[in-house]
C-alpha atoms as a PDB file:
ATOM      1  CA  UNK A   1       0.000   0.000   0.000  1.00  0.00           C
ATOM      2  CA  UNK A   2       1.192   3.494  -0.873  1.00  0.00           C
ATOM      3  CA  UNK A   3       0.112   6.482   1.196  1.00  0.00           C
ATOM      4  CA  UNK A   4       0.752  10.154   0.518  1.00  0.00           C
ATOM      5  CA  UNK A   5       0.695  12.080   3.802  1.00  0.00           C
ATOM      6  CA  UNK A   6       0.892  15.863   3.995  1.00  0.00           C
ATOM      7  CA  UNK A   7      -0.180  18.755   6.221  1.00  0.00           C
ATOM      8  CA  UNK A   8      -0.340  22.523   6.560  1.00  0.00           C
ATOM      9  CA  UNK A   9      -1.765  23.354   3.135  1.00  0.00           C
ATOM     10  CA  UNK A  10      -3.399  26.493   4.560  1.00  0.00           C
ATOM     11  CA  UNK A  11      -5.825  26.915   1.671  1.00  0.00           C
ATOM     12  CA  UNK A  12      -3.200  26.685  -1.092  1.00  0.00           C
ATOM     13  CA  UNK A  13      -5.312  25.120  -3.853  1.00  0.00           C
ATOM     14  CA  UNK A  14      -2.519  25.375  -6.442  1.00  0.00           C
ATOM     15  CA  UNK A  15      -0.213  23.368  -4.199  1.00  0.00           C
ATOM     16  CA  UNK A  16      -2.979  20.838  -3.486  1.00  0.00           C
ATOM     17  CA  UNK A  17      -3.437  20.364  -7.245  1.00  0.00           C
ATOM     18  CA  UNK A  18       0.300  19.807  -7.676  1.00  0.00           C
ATOM     19  CA  UNK A  19       0.337  17.264  -4.837  1.00  0.00           C
ATOM     20  CA  UNK A  20      -2.715  15.485  -6.279  1.00  0.00           C
ATOM     21  CA  UNK A  21      -0.897  15.148  -9.596  1.00  0.00           C
ATOM     22  CA  UNK A  22       2.144  13.783  -7.773  1.00  0.00           C
ATOM     23  CA  UNK A  23      -0.046  11.296  -5.905  1.00  0.00           C
ATOM     24  CA  UNK A  24      -1.688  10.079  -9.107  1.00  0.00           C
ATOM     25  CA  UNK A  25       1.661   9.800 -10.897  1.00  0.00           C
ATOM     26  CA  UNK A  26       3.012   7.662  -8.051  1.00  0.00           C
ATOM     27  CA  UNK A  27      -0.179   5.565  -7.936  1.00  0.00           C
ATOM     28  CA  UNK A  28      -0.817   6.073  -4.241  1.00  0.00           C
ATOM     29  CA  UNK A  29      -3.716   4.212  -2.673  1.00  0.00           C
ATOM     30  CA  UNK A  30      -4.830   6.946  -0.301  1.00  0.00           C
ATOM     31  CA  UNK A  31      -4.013  10.423   0.968  1.00  0.00           C
ATOM     32  CA  UNK A  32      -3.822  11.555   4.599  1.00  0.00           C
ATOM     33  CA  UNK A  33      -3.950  15.267   5.453  1.00  0.00           C
ATOM     34  CA  UNK A  34      -2.714  16.034   8.975  1.00  0.00           C
ATOM     35  CA  UNK A  35      -4.558  19.303   9.590  1.00  0.00           C
ATOM     36  CA  UNK A  36      -4.295  23.030   8.859  1.00  0.00           C
ATOM     37  CA  UNK A  37      -6.176  22.544   5.616  1.00  0.00           C
ATOM     38  CA  UNK A  38      -7.953  25.920   5.447  1.00  0.00           C
ATOM     39  CA  UNK A  39      -6.467  29.291   4.648  1.00  0.00           C
ATOM     40  CA  UNK A  40      -6.805  32.681   6.331  1.00  0.00           C
ATOM     41  CA  UNK A  41     -10.303  33.097   4.875  1.00  0.00           C
ATOM     42  CA  UNK A  42     -11.471  29.669   6.171  1.00  0.00           C
ATOM     43  CA  UNK A  43     -11.973  28.516   2.589  1.00  0.00           C
ATOM     44  CA  UNK A  44     -11.650  24.749   2.100  1.00  0.00           C
ATOM     45  CA  UNK A  45     -12.586  24.697  -1.593  1.00  0.00           C
ATOM     46  CA  UNK A  46     -10.039  23.262  -4.005  1.00  0.00           C
ATOM     47  CA  UNK A  47      -8.015  21.272  -1.484  1.00  0.00           C
ATOM     48  CA  UNK A  48      -9.502  17.811  -0.920  1.00  0.00           C
ATOM     49  CA  UNK A  49     -11.393  18.121  -4.206  1.00  0.00           C
ATOM     50  CA  UNK A  50      -8.132  18.039  -6.167  1.00  0.00           C
ATOM     51  CA  UNK A  51      -7.285  14.611  -4.776  1.00  0.00           C
ATOM     52  CA  UNK A  52     -10.818  13.309  -5.281  1.00  0.00           C
ATOM     53  CA  UNK A  53     -10.694  14.369  -8.961  1.00  0.00           C
ATOM     54  CA  UNK A  54      -7.836  11.887  -9.319  1.00  0.00           C
ATOM     55  CA  UNK A  55      -9.985   9.152  -7.767  1.00  0.00           C
ATOM     56  CA  UNK A  56      -7.998   9.114  -4.539  1.00  0.00           C
ATOM     57  CA  UNK A  57      -9.470   8.382  -1.120  1.00  0.00           C
ATOM     58  CA  UNK A  58      -8.643  11.064   1.456  1.00  0.00           C
ATOM     59  CA  UNK A  59      -8.488  10.977   5.256  1.00  0.00           C
ATOM     60  CA  UNK A  60      -8.425  14.266   7.197  1.00  0.00           C
ATOM     61  CA  UNK A  61      -8.052  15.612  10.707  1.00  0.00           C
ATOM     62  CA  UNK A  62      -8.420  19.211  11.900  1.00  0.00           C
ATOM     63  CA  UNK A  63      -5.367  21.259  12.780  1.00  0.00           C
ATOM     64  CA  UNK A  64      -5.297  24.335  14.954  1.00  0.00           C
ATOM     65  CA  UNK A  65      -6.682  26.434  12.063  1.00  0.00           C
ATOM     66  CA  UNK A  66     -10.001  24.615  11.532  1.00  0.00           C
ATOM     67  CA  UNK A  67     -12.716  22.938  13.522  1.00  0.00           C
ATOM     68  CA  UNK A  68     -15.246  20.196  12.924  1.00  0.00           C
ATOM     69  CA  UNK A  69     -17.470  22.448  10.788  1.00  0.00           C
ATOM     70  CA  UNK A  70     -14.783  22.589   8.097  1.00  0.00           C
ATOM     71  CA  UNK A  71     -13.952  18.887   8.470  1.00  0.00           C
ATOM     72  CA  UNK A  72     -17.631  17.927   8.209  1.00  0.00           C
ATOM     73  CA  UNK A  73     -17.903  20.043   5.047  1.00  0.00           C
ATOM     74  CA  UNK A  74     -15.021  18.079   3.506  1.00  0.00           C
ATOM     75  CA  UNK A  75     -16.638  14.810   4.526  1.00  0.00           C
ATOM     76  CA  UNK A  76     -20.036  15.747   3.089  1.00  0.00           C
ATOM     77  CA  UNK A  77     -18.932  17.493  -0.111  1.00  0.00           C
ATOM     78  CA  UNK A  78     -15.964  15.342  -1.112  1.00  0.00           C
ATOM     79  CA  UNK A  79     -16.460  12.055   0.725  1.00  0.00           C
ATOM     80  CA  UNK A  80     -13.304  12.527   2.791  1.00  0.00           C
ATOM     81  CA  UNK A  81     -12.864  10.296   5.839  1.00  0.00           C
ATOM     82  CA  UNK A  82     -12.806  12.100   9.186  1.00  0.00           C
ATOM     83  CA  UNK A  83     -10.069  10.508  11.291  1.00  0.00           C
ATOM     84  CA  UNK A  84     -10.411  12.697  14.382  1.00  0.00           C
ATOM     85  CA  UNK A  85     -11.467  10.105  16.944  1.00  0.00           C
ATOM     86  CA  UNK A  86     -12.098   7.495  14.257  1.00  0.00           C
ATOM     87  CA  UNK A  87     -10.255   4.604  12.655  1.00  0.00           C
ATOM     88  CA  UNK A  88      -9.817   3.634   9.027  1.00  0.00           C
ATOM     89  CA  UNK A  89      -8.903   0.077   8.109  1.00  0.00           C
ATOM     90  CA  UNK A  90      -7.390  -0.437   4.671  1.00  0.00           C
ATOM     91  CA  UNK A  91      -6.427  -4.050   4.139  1.00  0.00           C
ATOM     92  CA  UNK A  92      -4.088  -4.969   6.979  1.00  0.00           C
ATOM     93  CA  UNK A  93      -3.293  -1.327   7.808  1.00  0.00           C
ATOM     94  CA  UNK A  94      -5.159   0.522  10.561  1.00  0.00           C
ATOM     95  CA  UNK A  95      -5.094   4.314  10.775  1.00  0.00           C
ATOM     96  CA  UNK A  96      -6.238   6.166  13.891  1.00  0.00           C
ATOM     97  CA  UNK A  97      -6.156   9.873  14.558  1.00  0.00           C
ATOM     98  CA  UNK A  98      -6.616  12.908  16.723  1.00  0.00           C
ATOM     99  CA  UNK A  99      -6.571  16.417  15.326  1.00  0.00           C
ATOM    100  CA  UNK A 100      -6.330  19.950  16.704  1.00  0.00           C
ATOM    101  CA  UNK A 101      -3.304  21.738  18.065  1.00  0.00           C
ATOM    102  CA  UNK A 102      -1.575  22.500  21.318  1.00  0.00           C
ATOM    103  CA  UNK A 103      -1.951  26.250  20.613  1.00  0.00           C
ATOM    104  CA  UNK A 104      -4.455  28.473  18.815  1.00  0.00           C
ATOM    105  CA  UNK A 105      -8.218  28.629  18.584  1.00  0.00           C
ATOM    106  CA  UNK A 106      -8.689  24.913  17.952  1.00  0.00           C
ATOM    107  CA  UNK A 107      -6.722  23.029  20.585  1.00  0.00           C
ATOM    108  CA  UNK A 108      -6.898  20.096  22.979  1.00  0.00           C
ATOM    109  CA  UNK A 109      -5.225  19.474  26.312  1.00  0.00           C
ATOM    110  CA  UNK A 110      -2.812  16.593  26.813  1.00  0.00           C
ATOM    111  CA  UNK A 111      -5.379  14.375  28.536  1.00  0.00           C
ATOM    112  CA  UNK A 112      -7.826  14.732  25.620  1.00  0.00           C
ATOM    113  CA  UNK A 113      -5.109  13.984  23.044  1.00  0.00           C
ATOM    114  CA  UNK A 114      -4.230  10.764  24.856  1.00  0.00           C
ATOM    115  CA  UNK A 115      -7.820   9.664  25.562  1.00  0.00           C
ATOM    116  CA  UNK A 116      -8.858  10.185  21.935  1.00  0.00           C
ATOM    117  CA  UNK A 117      -5.854   8.297  20.572  1.00  0.00           C
ATOM    118  CA  UNK A 118      -6.177   5.425  23.049  1.00  0.00           C
ATOM    119  CA  UNK A 119      -9.907   4.994  22.419  1.00  0.00           C
ATOM    120  CA  UNK A 120      -9.450   4.847  18.648  1.00  0.00           C
ATOM    121  CA  UNK A 121      -6.370   2.632  18.867  1.00  0.00           C
ATOM    122  CA  UNK A 122      -8.156   0.166  21.130  1.00  0.00           C
ATOM    123  CA  UNK A 123     -10.936  -0.238  18.571  1.00  0.00           C
ATOM    124  CA  UNK A 124      -8.460  -1.476  15.949  1.00  0.00           C
ATOM    125  CA  UNK A 125      -8.209  -5.216  15.561  1.00  0.00           C
ATOM    126  CA  UNK A 126      -6.872  -7.557  12.925  1.00  0.00           C
ATOM    127  CA  UNK A 127      -4.304  -5.189  11.424  1.00  0.00           C
ATOM    128  CA  UNK A 128      -0.586  -5.768  10.911  1.00  0.00           C
ATOM    129  CA  UNK A 129       0.496  -2.117  10.725  1.00  0.00           C
ATOM    130  CA  UNK A 130      -0.789   0.860  12.707  1.00  0.00           C
ATOM    131  CA  UNK A 131      -0.509   4.494  11.665  1.00  0.00           C
ATOM    132  CA  UNK A 132      -1.225   7.281  14.148  1.00  0.00           C
ATOM    133  CA  UNK A 133      -2.172  10.618  12.576  1.00  0.00           C
ATOM    134  CA  UNK A 134      -2.042  13.880  14.542  1.00  0.00           C
ATOM    135  CA  UNK A 135      -1.506  17.520  13.703  1.00  0.00           C
ATOM    136  CA  UNK A 136       0.702  18.273  16.703  1.00  0.00           C
ATOM    137  CA  UNK A 137       4.083  16.695  17.356  1.00  0.00           C
ATOM    138  CA  UNK A 138       4.891  14.686  20.505  1.00  0.00           C
ATOM    139  CA  UNK A 139       6.616  16.294  23.482  1.00  0.00           C
ATOM    140  CA  UNK A 140      10.384  15.967  23.460  1.00  0.00           C
ATOM    141  CA  UNK A 141      10.582  15.358  19.724  1.00  0.00           C
ATOM    142  CA  UNK A 142      13.311  16.891  17.572  1.00  0.00           C
ATOM    143  CA  UNK A 143      10.440  18.036  15.355  1.00  0.00           C
ATOM    144  CA  UNK A 144       9.802  20.783  17.937  1.00  0.00           C
ATOM    145  CA  UNK A 145      13.291  22.202  17.259  1.00  0.00           C
ATOM    146  CA  UNK A 146      13.727  22.845  20.969  1.00  0.00           C
ATOM    147  CA  UNK A 147      11.311  25.808  20.740  1.00  0.00           C
ATOM    148  CA  UNK A 148       7.907  24.133  20.429  1.00  0.00           C
ATOM    149  CA  UNK A 149       7.228  21.743  23.326  1.00  0.00           C
ATOM    150  CA  UNK A 150       4.636  19.494  21.682  1.00  0.00           C
ATOM    151  CA  UNK A 151       2.041  17.358  23.413  1.00  0.00           C
ATOM    152  CA  UNK A 152       2.637  15.150  26.446  1.00  0.00           C
ATOM    153  CA  UNK A 153      -0.569  13.282  25.556  1.00  0.00           C
ATOM    154  CA  UNK A 154       0.671  12.429  22.065  1.00  0.00           C
ATOM    155  CA  UNK A 155       4.039  11.347  23.466  1.00  0.00           C
ATOM    156  CA  UNK A 156       2.255   9.119  25.999  1.00  0.00           C
ATOM    157  CA  UNK A 157       0.248   7.574  23.141  1.00  0.00           C
ATOM    158  CA  UNK A 158       3.464   6.777  21.244  1.00  0.00           C
ATOM    159  CA  UNK A 159       5.098   5.292  24.344  1.00  0.00           C
ATOM    160  CA  UNK A 160       2.099   3.170  25.343  1.00  0.00           C
ATOM    161  CA  UNK A 161       0.432   2.307  22.026  1.00  0.00           C
ATOM    162  CA  UNK A 162       3.608   1.963  19.924  1.00  0.00           C
ATOM    163  CA  UNK A 163       2.167   2.566  16.460  1.00  0.00           C
ATOM    164  CA  UNK A 164       4.465   1.598  13.602  1.00  0.00           C
ATOM    165  CA  UNK A 165       4.256   5.079  12.117  1.00  0.00           C
ATOM    166  CA  UNK A 166       3.251   8.451  13.563  1.00  0.00           C
ATOM    167  CA  UNK A 167       2.534  11.203  11.042  1.00  0.00           C
ATOM    168  CA  UNK A 168       2.175  14.841  12.059  1.00  0.00           C
ATOM    169  CA  UNK A 169       2.725  18.401  10.822  1.00  0.00           C
ATOM    170  CA  UNK A 170       2.186  21.731  12.591  1.00  0.00           C
ATOM    171  CA  UNK A 171       5.801  22.936  12.844  1.00  0.00           C
ATOM    172  CA  UNK A 172       6.493  24.315   9.368  1.00  0.00           C
ATOM    173  CA  UNK A 173      10.195  24.864  10.034  1.00  0.00           C
ATOM    174  CA  UNK A 174      10.821  21.156  10.713  1.00  0.00           C
ATOM    175  CA  UNK A 175       8.870  19.729   7.768  1.00  0.00           C
ATOM    176  CA  UNK A 176      10.515  16.536   6.560  1.00  0.00           C
ATOM    177  CA  UNK A 177      12.294  15.776   9.837  1.00  0.00           C
ATOM    178  CA  UNK A 178      11.865  12.297  11.205  1.00  0.00           C
ATOM    179  CA  UNK A 179      13.055  10.271  14.168  1.00  0.00           C
ATOM    180  CA  UNK A 180      12.380   7.000  15.948  1.00  0.00           C
ATOM    181  CA  UNK A 181      10.773   7.020  19.402  1.00  0.00           C
ATOM    182  CA  UNK A 182      10.791   3.527  20.870  1.00  0.00           C
ATOM    183  CA  UNK A 183       9.422   1.334  18.066  1.00  0.00           C
ATOM    184  CA  UNK A 184       7.638   4.196  16.308  1.00  0.00           C
ATOM    185  CA  UNK A 185       8.868   6.089  13.263  1.00  0.00           C
ATOM    186  CA  UNK A 186       7.751   9.728  13.730  1.00  0.00           C
ATOM    187  CA  UNK A 187       7.607  12.005  10.668  1.00  0.00           C
ATOM    188  CA  UNK A 188       6.637  15.656  10.202  1.00  0.00           C
ATOM    189  CA  UNK A 189       5.222  15.257   6.708  1.00  0.00           C
ATOM    190  CA  UNK A 190       4.854  19.010   6.036  1.00  0.00           C
ATOM    191  CA  UNK A 191       3.150  20.646   3.074  1.00  0.00           C
ATOM    192  CA  UNK A 192       5.402  18.920   0.526  1.00  0.00           C
ATOM    193  CA  UNK A 193       4.317  15.556   1.900  1.00  0.00           C
ATOM    194  CA  UNK A 194       5.893  12.156   1.909  1.00  0.00           C
ATOM    195  CA  UNK A 195       4.944   8.878   0.249  1.00  0.00           C
ATOM    196  CA  UNK A 196       5.063   5.805   2.477  1.00  0.00           C
ATOM    197  CA  UNK A 197       4.959   2.204   1.274  1.00  0.00           C
ATOM    198  CA  UNK A 198       3.583  -0.314   3.773  1.00  0.00           C
END
């Protein structure tokens, strides 16, 4: 299975179109968007739609720049899959997620990050690989560049749930950085995205 994961598009429809073309060219099976989908004007048009035009399935979570109203719009208009507090099983791969940020208008506290991730993770069964999708990075990660603390709740989820892969965004300056925490590969996919083969 091939997955294109990206984040922090911030309403850039031209970039979304370019990434959709890249996804189609590389024959990805699905696309995951790790939050901050909307721009300054709260417009979500032309983002998920670009991927759907290519026949790609799309999973989304909110970042700290959008709430459930925008996510529900994407679900209803484009058939995107809401992964905030939900799971998505694709073959033997299970994806579970928790959106929102640790700062800004749309945020969660550490306890809510952990509870949401644990509840969704615990509902997964019969999968060989687990992907955890969040907008915010875990506490103590190099993705925070020593300036952005990250979430204790997300770090606790990595330590206790040990997903194979944790995908996040949020910190634009560390896009593309990855590390291994315990058994989990942690990647800030950023707006340029990354293709993963599982």
